[in-house]
Amino acid sequence: MQYFVIGERELVLGFSLVGIHGAVARTREEALDAFYRATGRGTLLAGGTPSESERAKILILTEEVSSMLDEEVRDWQMGADYPLIVEIPGLHGHLSGRKTLTDSIREAIGIHV
């Protein structure tokens, strides 16, 4: 399975150490460009559309990037199949107001430990 990460420079560097490619996104334009490239919609800055084999199957976004691309991420999740989008906390931890994965699982199964 192919992975692609979009987030802060240090986080992308860390993922690259284990062989996962990524893109640093400091602005909405950079995040949108990387998102379009990873989802196969082309790119804003470089042009062109990646081939099917170059597209990621799992797209890892930091919560900061996901909040920059809130509408695009929601539209993608509602209408497409790959890549699967996974949000992770950024370098500074969870953003306030966002549920953690553990909270979502507890809510879904109804068990609180």
N, C-alpha and C. Protein backbone atom coordinates (compact mmCIF):
# COMPACT_ATOMS: atom_id res chain seq x y z
N MET A 1 0.82 -1.17 0.00
CA MET A 1 0.00 0.00 0.00
C MET A 1 0.87 1.24 0.00
N GLN A 2 0.46 2.25 -0.73
CA GLN A 2 1.23 3.48 -0.79
C GLN A 2 0.64 4.51 0.15
N TYR A 3 1.52 5.19 0.84
CA TYR A 3 1.12 6.22 1.79
C TYR A 3 1.68 7.56 1.31
N PHE A 4 1.02 8.64 1.72
CA PHE A 4 1.50 9.97 1.45
C PHE A 4 1.09 10.83 2.63
N VAL A 5 1.97 11.68 3.11
CA VAL A 5 1.68 12.51 4.28
C VAL A 5 1.80 13.98 3.90
N ILE A 6 0.89 14.78 4.44
CA ILE A 6 0.94 16.23 4.25
C ILE A 6 0.90 16.86 5.63
N GLY A 7 1.91 17.68 5.93
CA GLY A 7 1.96 18.29 7.26
C GLY A 7 3.17 19.18 7.43
N GLU A 8 3.56 19.35 8.70
CA GLU A 8 4.71 20.18 9.03
C GLU A 8 6.01 19.54 8.56
N ARG A 9 7.03 20.36 8.39
CA ARG A 9 8.31 19.90 7.86
C ARG A 9 8.90 18.76 8.68
N GLU A 10 8.90 18.90 9.99
CA GLU A 10 9.50 17.88 10.86
C GLU A 10 8.74 16.56 10.76
N LEU A 11 7.43 16.64 10.68
CA LEU A 11 6.62 15.44 10.58
C LEU A 11 6.84 14.73 9.26
N VAL A 12 6.89 15.48 8.17
CA VAL A 12 7.14 14.89 6.85
C VAL A 12 8.53 14.26 6.82
N LEU A 13 9.51 14.91 7.43
CA LEU A 13 10.85 14.35 7.51
C LEU A 13 10.85 13.04 8.28
N GLY A 14 10.15 12.99 9.40
CA GLY A 14 10.07 11.76 10.18
C GLY A 14 9.46 10.61 9.40
N PHE A 15 8.39 10.88 8.68
CA PHE A 15 7.77 9.84 7.86
C PHE A 15 8.70 9.40 6.73
N SER A 16 9.47 10.34 6.19
CA SER A 16 10.38 9.98 5.09
C SER A 16 11.47 9.01 5.56
N LEU A 17 11.80 9.05 6.84
CA LEU A 17 12.81 8.14 7.38
C LEU A 17 12.36 6.68 7.33
N VAL A 18 11.06 6.45 7.28
CA VAL A 18 10.54 5.09 7.18
C VAL A 18 9.99 4.80 5.78
N GLY A 19 10.35 5.66 4.82
CA GLY A 19 10.02 5.41 3.42
C GLY A 19 8.70 5.94 2.93
N ILE A 20 8.05 6.81 3.70
CA ILE A 20 6.77 7.38 3.29
C ILE A 20 7.01 8.77 2.72
N HIS A 21 6.60 8.97 1.48
CA HIS A 21 6.75 10.28 0.84
C HIS A 21 5.73 11.26 1.39
N GLY A 22 6.03 12.53 1.23
CA GLY A 22 5.11 13.53 1.73
C GLY A 22 5.39 14.89 1.17
N ALA A 23 4.58 15.85 1.61
CA ALA A 23 4.72 17.24 1.19
C ALA A 23 4.53 18.14 2.40
N VAL A 24 5.38 19.14 2.49
CA VAL A 24 5.28 20.13 3.56
C VAL A 24 4.23 21.16 3.14
N ALA A 25 3.34 21.48 4.06
CA ALA A 25 2.29 22.46 3.77
C ALA A 25 2.25 23.49 4.88
N ARG A 26 2.67 24.71 4.56
CA ARG A 26 2.61 25.81 5.51
C ARG A 26 1.42 26.72 5.23
N THR A 27 0.94 26.71 3.99
CA THR A 27 -0.17 27.57 3.60
C THR A 27 -1.28 26.72 2.99
N ARG A 28 -2.45 27.32 2.83
CA ARG A 28 -3.57 26.62 2.21
C ARG A 28 -3.23 26.24 0.77
N GLU A 29 -2.55 27.11 0.05
CA GLU A 29 -2.21 26.81 -1.35
C GLU A 29 -1.29 25.59 -1.44
N GLU A 30 -0.28 25.52 -0.58
CA GLU A 30 0.60 24.36 -0.58
C GLU A 30 -0.14 23.09 -0.19
N ALA A 31 -1.03 23.21 0.80
CA ALA A 31 -1.81 22.05 1.23
C ALA A 31 -2.75 21.58 0.12
N LEU A 32 -3.39 22.52 -0.55
CA LEU A 32 -4.32 22.18 -1.63
C LEU A 32 -3.58 21.55 -2.80
N ASP A 33 -2.41 22.07 -3.13
CA ASP A 33 -1.60 21.50 -4.21
C ASP A 33 -1.22 20.06 -3.90
N ALA A 34 -0.74 19.81 -2.69
CA ALA A 34 -0.35 18.46 -2.29
C ALA A 34 -1.56 17.53 -2.24
N PHE A 35 -2.69 18.04 -1.78
CA PHE A 35 -3.92 17.24 -1.71
C PHE A 35 -4.36 16.84 -3.11
N TYR A 36 -4.36 17.78 -4.04
CA TYR A 36 -4.76 17.46 -5.43
C TYR A 36 -3.80 16.45 -6.06
N ARG A 37 -2.51 16.60 -5.77
CA ARG A 37 -1.52 15.67 -6.32
C ARG A 37 -1.74 14.27 -5.77
N ALA A 38 -1.99 14.17 -4.47
CA ALA A 38 -2.16 12.87 -3.82
C ALA A 38 -3.47 12.18 -4.22
N THR A 39 -4.50 12.97 -4.51
CA THR A 39 -5.79 12.38 -4.86
C THR A 39 -5.94 12.16 -6.36
N GLY A 40 -4.97 12.61 -7.15
CA GLY A 40 -5.02 12.37 -8.58
C GLY A 40 -5.78 13.41 -9.37
N ARG A 41 -6.07 14.54 -8.77
CA ARG A 41 -6.79 15.60 -9.47
C ARG A 41 -5.85 16.57 -10.19
N GLY A 42 -4.56 16.28 -10.15
CA GLY A 42 -3.59 17.19 -10.76
C GLY A 42 -2.96 18.05 -9.69
N THR A 43 -2.24 19.07 -10.12
CA THR A 43 -1.62 19.98 -9.16
C THR A 43 -1.86 21.41 -9.58
N LEU A 44 -1.84 22.28 -8.62
CA LEU A 44 -2.02 23.70 -8.91
C LEU A 44 -0.70 24.33 -9.35
N LEU A 45 0.39 23.95 -8.71
CA LEU A 45 1.67 24.61 -8.94
C LEU A 45 2.45 24.01 -10.10
N ALA A 46 2.50 22.69 -10.20
CA ALA A 46 3.36 22.05 -11.21
C ALA A 46 2.59 21.59 -12.44
N GLY A 47 1.29 21.44 -12.34
CA GLY A 47 0.51 20.95 -13.47
C GLY A 47 0.62 19.45 -13.62
N GLY A 48 -0.29 18.86 -14.38
CA GLY A 48 -0.25 17.42 -14.62
C GLY A 48 -1.01 16.62 -13.58
N THR A 49 -1.32 15.40 -13.94
CA THR A 49 -2.04 14.49 -13.06
C THR A 49 -1.21 13.23 -12.87
N PRO A 50 -1.02 12.78 -11.63
CA PRO A 50 -0.22 11.57 -11.42
C PRO A 50 -0.94 10.34 -11.96
N SER A 51 -0.15 9.36 -12.36
CA SER A 51 -0.73 8.11 -12.86
C SER A 51 -1.33 7.34 -11.70
N GLU A 52 -2.13 6.34 -12.01
CA GLU A 52 -2.78 5.53 -10.99
C GLU A 52 -1.76 4.87 -10.06
N SER A 53 -0.63 4.43 -10.60
CA SER A 53 0.38 3.77 -9.77
C SER A 53 1.11 4.76 -8.85
N GLU A 54 1.11 6.05 -9.19
CA GLU A 54 1.77 7.06 -8.36
C GLU A 54 0.87 7.58 -7.25
N ARG A 55 -0.43 7.34 -7.35
CA ARG A 55 -1.37 7.85 -6.36
C ARG A 55 -1.29 7.06 -5.06
N ALA A 56 -1.44 7.77 -3.97
CA ALA A 56 -1.42 7.13 -2.66
C ALA A 56 -2.73 6.39 -2.41
N LYS A 57 -2.66 5.35 -1.62
CA LYS A 57 -3.86 4.63 -1.20
C LYS A 57 -4.34 5.13 0.16
N ILE A 58 -3.39 5.61 0.98
CA ILE A 58 -3.72 6.19 2.27
C ILE A 58 -3.05 7.56 2.36
N LEU A 59 -3.85 8.58 2.58
CA LEU A 59 -3.36 9.94 2.69
C LEU A 59 -3.43 10.35 4.16
N ILE A 60 -2.27 10.68 4.72
CA ILE A 60 -2.19 11.06 6.13
C ILE A 60 -2.08 12.59 6.19
N LEU A 61 -3.04 13.20 6.87
CA LEU A 61 -3.06 14.66 7.02
C LEU A 61 -2.94 15.00 8.50
N THR A 62 -2.20 16.05 8.80
CA THR A 62 -2.23 16.54 10.17
C THR A 62 -3.55 17.28 10.37
N GLU A 63 -3.95 17.44 11.62
CA GLU A 63 -5.20 18.13 11.90
C GLU A 63 -5.16 19.57 11.39
N GLU A 64 -3.99 20.21 11.43
CA GLU A 64 -3.86 21.57 10.94
C GLU A 64 -4.13 21.65 9.44
N VAL A 65 -3.55 20.72 8.68
CA VAL A 65 -3.76 20.68 7.24
C VAL A 65 -5.22 20.34 6.93
N SER A 66 -5.76 19.39 7.67
CA SER A 66 -7.15 19.01 7.46
C SER A 66 -8.09 20.18 7.70
N SER A 67 -7.80 21.00 8.69
CA SER A 67 -8.65 22.16 8.95
C SER A 67 -8.50 23.21 7.85
N MET A 68 -7.31 23.29 7.22
CA MET A 68 -7.13 24.20 6.08
C MET A 68 -7.94 23.75 4.87
N LEU A 69 -8.11 22.43 4.74
CA LEU A 69 -8.78 21.84 3.58
C LEU A 69 -10.11 21.21 3.97
N ASP A 70 -10.77 21.77 4.96
CA ASP A 70 -11.96 21.15 5.52
C ASP A 70 -13.00 20.78 4.47
N GLU A 71 -13.34 21.69 3.61
CA GLU A 71 -14.37 21.43 2.60
C GLU A 71 -13.92 20.39 1.57
N GLU A 72 -12.68 20.50 1.10
CA GLU A 72 -12.16 19.55 0.11
C GLU A 72 -12.08 18.13 0.69
N VAL A 73 -11.63 18.02 1.92
CA VAL A 73 -11.53 16.71 2.57
C VAL A 73 -12.91 16.09 2.74
N ARG A 74 -13.87 16.89 3.19
CA ARG A 74 -15.23 16.38 3.37
C ARG A 74 -15.83 15.92 2.05
N ASP A 75 -15.65 16.71 0.99
CA ASP A 75 -16.15 16.33 -0.33
C ASP A 75 -15.50 15.04 -0.82
N TRP A 76 -14.19 14.90 -0.60
CA TRP A 76 -13.48 13.70 -1.04
C TRP A 76 -13.99 12.47 -0.29
N GLN A 77 -14.15 12.59 1.00
CA GLN A 77 -14.60 11.45 1.80
C GLN A 77 -16.02 11.03 1.44
N MET A 78 -16.85 11.96 1.02
CA MET A 78 -18.23 11.64 0.67
C MET A 78 -18.35 11.03 -0.73
N GLY A 79 -17.43 11.35 -1.63
CA GLY A 79 -17.63 10.94 -3.00
C GLY A 79 -16.59 10.05 -3.64
N ALA A 80 -15.54 9.70 -2.96
CA ALA A 80 -14.47 8.93 -3.60
C ALA A 80 -14.06 7.75 -2.72
N ASP A 81 -13.25 6.87 -3.28
CA ASP A 81 -12.84 5.72 -2.51
C ASP A 81 -11.37 5.77 -2.10
N TYR A 82 -10.45 6.05 -3.01
CA TYR A 82 -9.04 6.11 -2.66
C TYR A 82 -8.48 7.46 -3.05
N PRO A 83 -7.61 8.01 -2.27
CA PRO A 83 -7.02 7.48 -1.05
C PRO A 83 -7.93 7.64 0.16
N LEU A 84 -7.74 6.75 1.10
CA LEU A 84 -8.40 6.85 2.38
C LEU A 84 -7.69 7.95 3.16
N ILE A 85 -8.44 8.86 3.76
CA ILE A 85 -7.83 9.98 4.46
C ILE A 85 -7.84 9.72 5.96
N VAL A 86 -6.66 9.85 6.57
CA VAL A 86 -6.49 9.63 8.00
C VAL A 86 -5.90 10.91 8.59
N GLU A 87 -6.52 11.40 9.66
CA GLU A 87 -6.01 12.58 10.35
C GLU A 87 -5.20 12.16 11.56
N ILE A 88 -4.08 12.85 11.74
CA ILE A 88 -3.25 12.61 12.92
C ILE A 88 -2.97 13.96 13.59
N PRO A 89 -2.67 13.96 14.86
CA PRO A 89 -2.31 15.23 15.51
C PRO A 89 -0.99 15.75 14.95
N GLY A 90 -0.84 17.05 14.95
CA GLY A 90 0.40 17.65 14.49
C GLY A 90 1.46 17.63 15.57
N LEU A 91 2.49 18.40 15.37
CA LEU A 91 3.59 18.45 16.33
C LEU A 91 3.19 19.02 17.67
N HIS A 92 2.15 19.83 17.68
CA HIS A 92 1.73 20.50 18.91
C HIS A 92 0.53 19.82 19.56
N GLY A 93 0.26 18.58 19.18
CA GLY A 93 -0.84 17.84 19.79
C GLY A 93 -2.16 18.08 19.09
N HIS A 94 -3.23 17.60 19.71
CA HIS A 94 -4.57 17.73 19.13
C HIS A 94 -5.02 19.18 19.12
N LEU A 95 -5.75 19.55 18.09
CA LEU A 95 -6.38 20.85 18.06
C LEU A 95 -7.59 20.81 18.99
N SER A 96 -7.85 21.90 19.67
CA SER A 96 -8.99 21.91 20.58
C SER A 96 -10.28 21.79 19.78
N GLY A 97 -11.20 21.03 20.32
CA GLY A 97 -12.49 20.84 19.66
C GLY A 97 -12.55 19.65 18.74
N ARG A 98 -11.44 18.98 18.48
CA ARG A 98 -11.42 17.80 17.61
C ARG A 98 -11.43 16.55 18.48
N LYS A 99 -12.18 15.55 18.02
CA LYS A 99 -12.21 14.27 18.72
C LYS A 99 -10.97 13.47 18.39
N THR A 100 -10.48 12.75 19.37
CA THR A 100 -9.39 11.83 19.12
C THR A 100 -9.98 10.54 18.55
N LEU A 101 -9.14 9.71 17.99
CA LEU A 101 -9.59 8.42 17.46
C LEU A 101 -10.20 7.58 18.58
N THR A 102 -9.59 7.61 19.74
CA THR A 102 -10.11 6.85 20.88
C THR A 102 -11.50 7.33 21.26
N ASP A 103 -11.71 8.65 21.27
CA ASP A 103 -13.03 9.19 21.59
C ASP A 103 -14.07 8.75 20.57
N SER A 104 -13.70 8.74 19.30
CA SER A 104 -14.63 8.31 18.25
C SER A 104 -15.01 6.85 18.39
N ILE A 105 -14.02 6.00 18.71
CA ILE A 105 -14.29 4.57 18.90
C ILE A 105 -15.17 4.35 20.11
N ARG A 106 -14.88 5.03 21.20
CA ARG A 106 -15.72 4.89 22.40
C ARG A 106 -17.15 5.32 22.13
N GLU A 107 -17.32 6.38 21.39
CA GLU A 107 -18.65 6.85 21.05
C GLU A 107 -19.38 5.86 20.14
N ALA A 108 -18.65 5.25 19.20
CA ALA A 108 -19.26 4.32 18.27
C ALA A 108 -19.71 3.02 18.94
N ILE A 109 -18.89 2.51 19.87
CA ILE A 109 -19.25 1.24 20.51
C ILE A 109 -19.97 1.42 21.83
N GLY A 110 -19.97 2.63 22.35
CA GLY A 110 -20.74 2.91 23.57
C GLY A 110 -20.11 2.45 24.85
N ILE A 111 -18.81 2.25 24.85
CA ILE A 111 -18.14 1.79 26.07
C ILE A 111 -17.20 2.89 26.56
N HIS A 112 -17.31 3.22 27.84
CA HIS A 112 -16.41 4.19 28.44
C HIS A 112 -15.69 3.50 29.58
N VAL A 113 -14.38 3.48 29.51
CA VAL A 113 -13.57 2.80 30.52
C VAL A 113 -12.95 3.82 31.43
